[in-house]
Amino acid sequence: MPKYLVQGSYTAEGTQGLLKDGGSKRRKAAEALAKSLGGKLEAFYFAFGETDAFAIVDVPDNISAAAAALAIAASGAVRVKTTVLITPEEMDQAAKKTVSYRPPGR
């Protein structure tokens, strides 16, 4: 199942909710979201800095990942960024593909 790195930055409203409910409740919400899409939450961490939370989720496809991102963003409580993750074996396959490409200016 494809993996995605989800990065979230809380808005003021989201931070107030986090202060009220705590971190464990946010992890449970992320687990429920992934499960509702037929997937699972692999990891969930909070962090200091520009990004407040990181999650790695397995969901069936890009459409499911996009649905999750839309639901999160629509809440207005979190700004979300989703990155598709690929395995080393998938990178091996990509490296073996023949690609026609001309760099700019050449």
C-alpha atoms as a PDB file:
ATOM      1  CA  MET A   1       0.000   0.000   0.000  1.00  0.00           C
ATOM      2  CA  PRO A   2       1.401   3.452  -0.856  1.00  0.00           C
ATOM      3  CA  LYS A   3       2.892   5.535   1.958  1.00  0.00           C
ATOM      4  CA  TYR A   4       2.541   9.260   2.448  1.00  0.00           C
ATOM      5  CA  LEU A   5       4.292  11.745   4.693  1.00  0.00           C
ATOM      6  CA  VAL A   6       1.728  14.194   6.029  1.00  0.00           C
ATOM      7  CA  GLN A   7       3.043  17.417   7.580  1.00  0.00           C
ATOM      8  CA  GLY A   8       0.719  19.637   9.540  1.00  0.00           C
ATOM      9  CA  SER A   9       1.054  23.152  10.873  1.00  0.00           C
ATOM     10  CA  TYR A  10      -1.643  24.225  13.304  1.00  0.00           C
ATOM     11  CA  THR A  11      -3.508  27.486  12.927  1.00  0.00           C
ATOM     12  CA  ALA A  12      -4.347  29.439  16.099  1.00  0.00           C
ATOM     13  CA  GLU A  13      -7.679  27.594  16.217  1.00  0.00           C
ATOM     14  CA  GLY A  14      -5.959  24.233  15.820  1.00  0.00           C
ATOM     15  CA  THR A  15      -3.442  25.050  18.535  1.00  0.00           C
ATOM     16  CA  GLN A  16      -6.273  25.929  20.918  1.00  0.00           C
ATOM     17  CA  GLY A  17      -7.846  22.544  20.189  1.00  0.00           C
ATOM     18  CA  LEU A  18      -4.529  20.798  20.784  1.00  0.00           C
ATOM     19  CA  LEU A  19      -4.126  22.590  24.126  1.00  0.00           C
ATOM     20  CA  LYS A  20      -7.644  21.504  25.092  1.00  0.00           C
ATOM     21  CA  ASP A  21      -7.524  17.875  23.929  1.00  0.00           C
ATOM     22  CA  GLY A  22      -3.838  16.944  24.038  1.00  0.00           C
ATOM     23  CA  GLY A  23      -1.606  15.077  21.627  1.00  0.00           C
ATOM     24  CA  SER A  24      -2.885  11.535  22.138  1.00  0.00           C
ATOM     25  CA  LYS A  25      -6.340  12.553  20.964  1.00  0.00           C
ATOM     26  CA  ARG A  26      -4.830  13.980  17.745  1.00  0.00           C
ATOM     27  CA  ARG A  27      -3.017  10.703  17.114  1.00  0.00           C
ATOM     28  CA  LYS A  28      -6.306   8.817  17.599  1.00  0.00           C
ATOM     29  CA  ALA A  29      -7.991  11.179  15.130  1.00  0.00           C
ATOM     30  CA  ALA A  30      -5.228  10.496  12.583  1.00  0.00           C
ATOM     31  CA  GLU A  31      -5.636   6.744  13.127  1.00  0.00           C
ATOM     32  CA  ALA A  32      -9.391   7.017  12.577  1.00  0.00           C
ATOM     33  CA  LEU A  33      -8.919   9.088   9.411  1.00  0.00           C
ATOM     34  CA  ALA A  34      -6.488   6.565   7.907  1.00  0.00           C
ATOM     35  CA  LYS A  35      -8.753   3.646   8.860  1.00  0.00           C
ATOM     36  CA  SER A  36     -11.793   5.343   7.281  1.00  0.00           C
ATOM     37  CA  LEU A  37      -9.879   5.358   3.987  1.00  0.00           C
ATOM     38  CA  GLY A  38      -8.925   1.688   4.218  1.00  0.00           C
ATOM     39  CA  GLY A  39      -5.438   2.446   5.466  1.00  0.00           C
ATOM     40  CA  LYS A  40      -3.436   2.739   8.662  1.00  0.00           C
ATOM     41  CA  LEU A  41      -1.349   5.222  10.569  1.00  0.00           C
ATOM     42  CA  GLU A  42       2.251   4.032  10.724  1.00  0.00           C
ATOM     43  CA  ALA A  43       3.760   6.876  12.762  1.00  0.00           C
ATOM     44  CA  PHE A  44       2.701  10.169  14.331  1.00  0.00           C
ATOM     45  CA  TYR A  45       4.998  12.727  15.942  1.00  0.00           C
ATOM     46  CA  PHE A  46       4.852  16.312  17.116  1.00  0.00           C
ATOM     47  CA  ALA A  47       7.822  18.598  16.473  1.00  0.00           C
ATOM     48  CA  PHE A  48       9.220  22.035  17.163  1.00  0.00           C
ATOM     49  CA  GLY A  49       9.570  24.494  14.307  1.00  0.00           C
ATOM     50  CA  GLU A  50       7.647  25.377  11.190  1.00  0.00           C
ATOM     51  CA  THR A  51       5.890  21.995  11.062  1.00  0.00           C
ATOM     52  CA  ASP A  52       3.954  20.996  14.182  1.00  0.00           C
ATOM     53  CA  ALA A  53       3.126  17.374  13.387  1.00  0.00           C
ATOM     54  CA  PHE A  54       4.379  14.602  11.118  1.00  0.00           C
ATOM     55  CA  ALA A  55       2.525  11.426  10.199  1.00  0.00           C
ATOM     56  CA  ILE A  56       3.298   8.508   7.950  1.00  0.00           C
ATOM     57  CA  VAL A  57       0.144   6.876   6.648  1.00  0.00           C
ATOM     58  CA  ASP A  58      -0.580   3.942   4.381  1.00  0.00           C
ATOM     59  CA  VAL A  59      -3.677   4.493   2.255  1.00  0.00           C
ATOM     60  CA  PRO A  60      -4.789   2.686  -0.899  1.00  0.00           C
ATOM     61  CA  ASP A  61      -4.056   5.386  -3.489  1.00  0.00           C
ATOM     62  CA  ASN A  62      -3.506   9.061  -4.341  1.00  0.00           C
ATOM     63  CA  ILE A  63      -7.254   9.708  -4.391  1.00  0.00           C
ATOM     64  CA  SER A  64      -7.514   8.556  -0.767  1.00  0.00           C
ATOM     65  CA  ALA A  65      -4.512  10.686   0.195  1.00  0.00           C
ATOM     66  CA  ALA A  66      -6.058  13.695  -1.539  1.00  0.00           C
ATOM     67  CA  ALA A  67      -9.380  13.096   0.249  1.00  0.00           C
ATOM     68  CA  ALA A  68      -7.543  13.100   3.588  1.00  0.00           C
ATOM     69  CA  ALA A  69      -5.681  16.305   2.714  1.00  0.00           C
ATOM     70  CA  LEU A  70      -8.915  18.002   1.669  1.00  0.00           C
ATOM     71  CA  ALA A  71     -10.696  17.017   4.879  1.00  0.00           C
ATOM     72  CA  ILE A  72      -7.812  18.224   7.038  1.00  0.00           C
ATOM     73  CA  ALA A  73      -7.393  21.515   5.163  1.00  0.00           C
ATOM     74  CA  ALA A  74     -11.147  22.175   5.090  1.00  0.00           C
ATOM     75  CA  SER A  75     -11.212  22.117   8.893  1.00  0.00           C
ATOM     76  CA  GLY A  76      -9.268  25.377   8.941  1.00  0.00           C
ATOM     77  CA  ALA A  77      -7.372  24.106  11.984  1.00  0.00           C
ATOM     78  CA  VAL A  78      -4.345  22.722  10.157  1.00  0.00           C
ATOM     79  CA  ARG A  79      -2.319  23.627   7.082  1.00  0.00           C
ATOM     80  CA  VAL A  80      -1.318  20.325   5.503  1.00  0.00           C
ATOM     81  CA  LYS A  81       1.363  19.167   3.080  1.00  0.00           C
ATOM     82  CA  THR A  82       1.327  15.606   1.727  1.00  0.00           C
ATOM     83  CA  THR A  83       4.350  13.922   0.147  1.00  0.00           C
ATOM     84  CA  VAL A  84       4.270  10.590  -1.690  1.00  0.00           C
ATOM     85  CA  LEU A  85       6.944   8.248  -0.313  1.00  0.00           C
ATOM     86  CA  ILE A  86       8.598   5.538  -2.387  1.00  0.00           C
ATOM     87  CA  THR A  87      10.631   2.547  -1.281  1.00  0.00           C
ATOM     88  CA  PRO A  88      14.280   1.935  -2.210  1.00  0.00           C
ATOM     89  CA  GLU A  89      13.060  -0.888  -4.467  1.00  0.00           C
ATOM     90  CA  GLU A  90      10.713   1.482  -6.285  1.00  0.00           C
ATOM     91  CA  MET A  91      13.647   3.874  -6.733  1.00  0.00           C
ATOM     92  CA  ASP A  92      15.643   0.972  -8.220  1.00  0.00           C
ATOM     93  CA  GLN A  93      12.852   0.455 -10.768  1.00  0.00           C
ATOM     94  CA  ALA A  94      12.728   4.180 -11.541  1.00  0.00           C
ATOM     95  CA  ALA A  95      16.498   4.291 -12.074  1.00  0.00           C
ATOM     96  CA  LYS A  96      16.211   1.518 -14.679  1.00  0.00           C
ATOM     97  CA  LYS A  97      13.535   3.287 -16.745  1.00  0.00           C
ATOM     98  CA  THR A  98      14.615   4.885 -20.005  1.00  0.00           C
ATOM     99  CA  VAL A  99      13.460   8.489 -20.174  1.00  0.00           C
ATOM    100  CA  SER A 100      13.647  10.998 -23.016  1.00  0.00           C
ATOM    101  CA  TYR A 101      14.521  14.420 -21.552  1.00  0.00           C
ATOM    102  CA  ARG A 102      16.211  17.562 -22.860  1.00  0.00           C
ATOM    103  CA  PRO A 103      17.460  20.034 -20.213  1.00  0.00           C
ATOM    104  CA  PRO A 104      16.521  23.705 -20.698  1.00  0.00           C
ATOM    105  CA  GLY A 105      18.823  25.559 -23.072  1.00  0.00           C
ATOM    106  CA  ARG A 106      20.289  22.489 -24.758  1.00  0.00           C
END
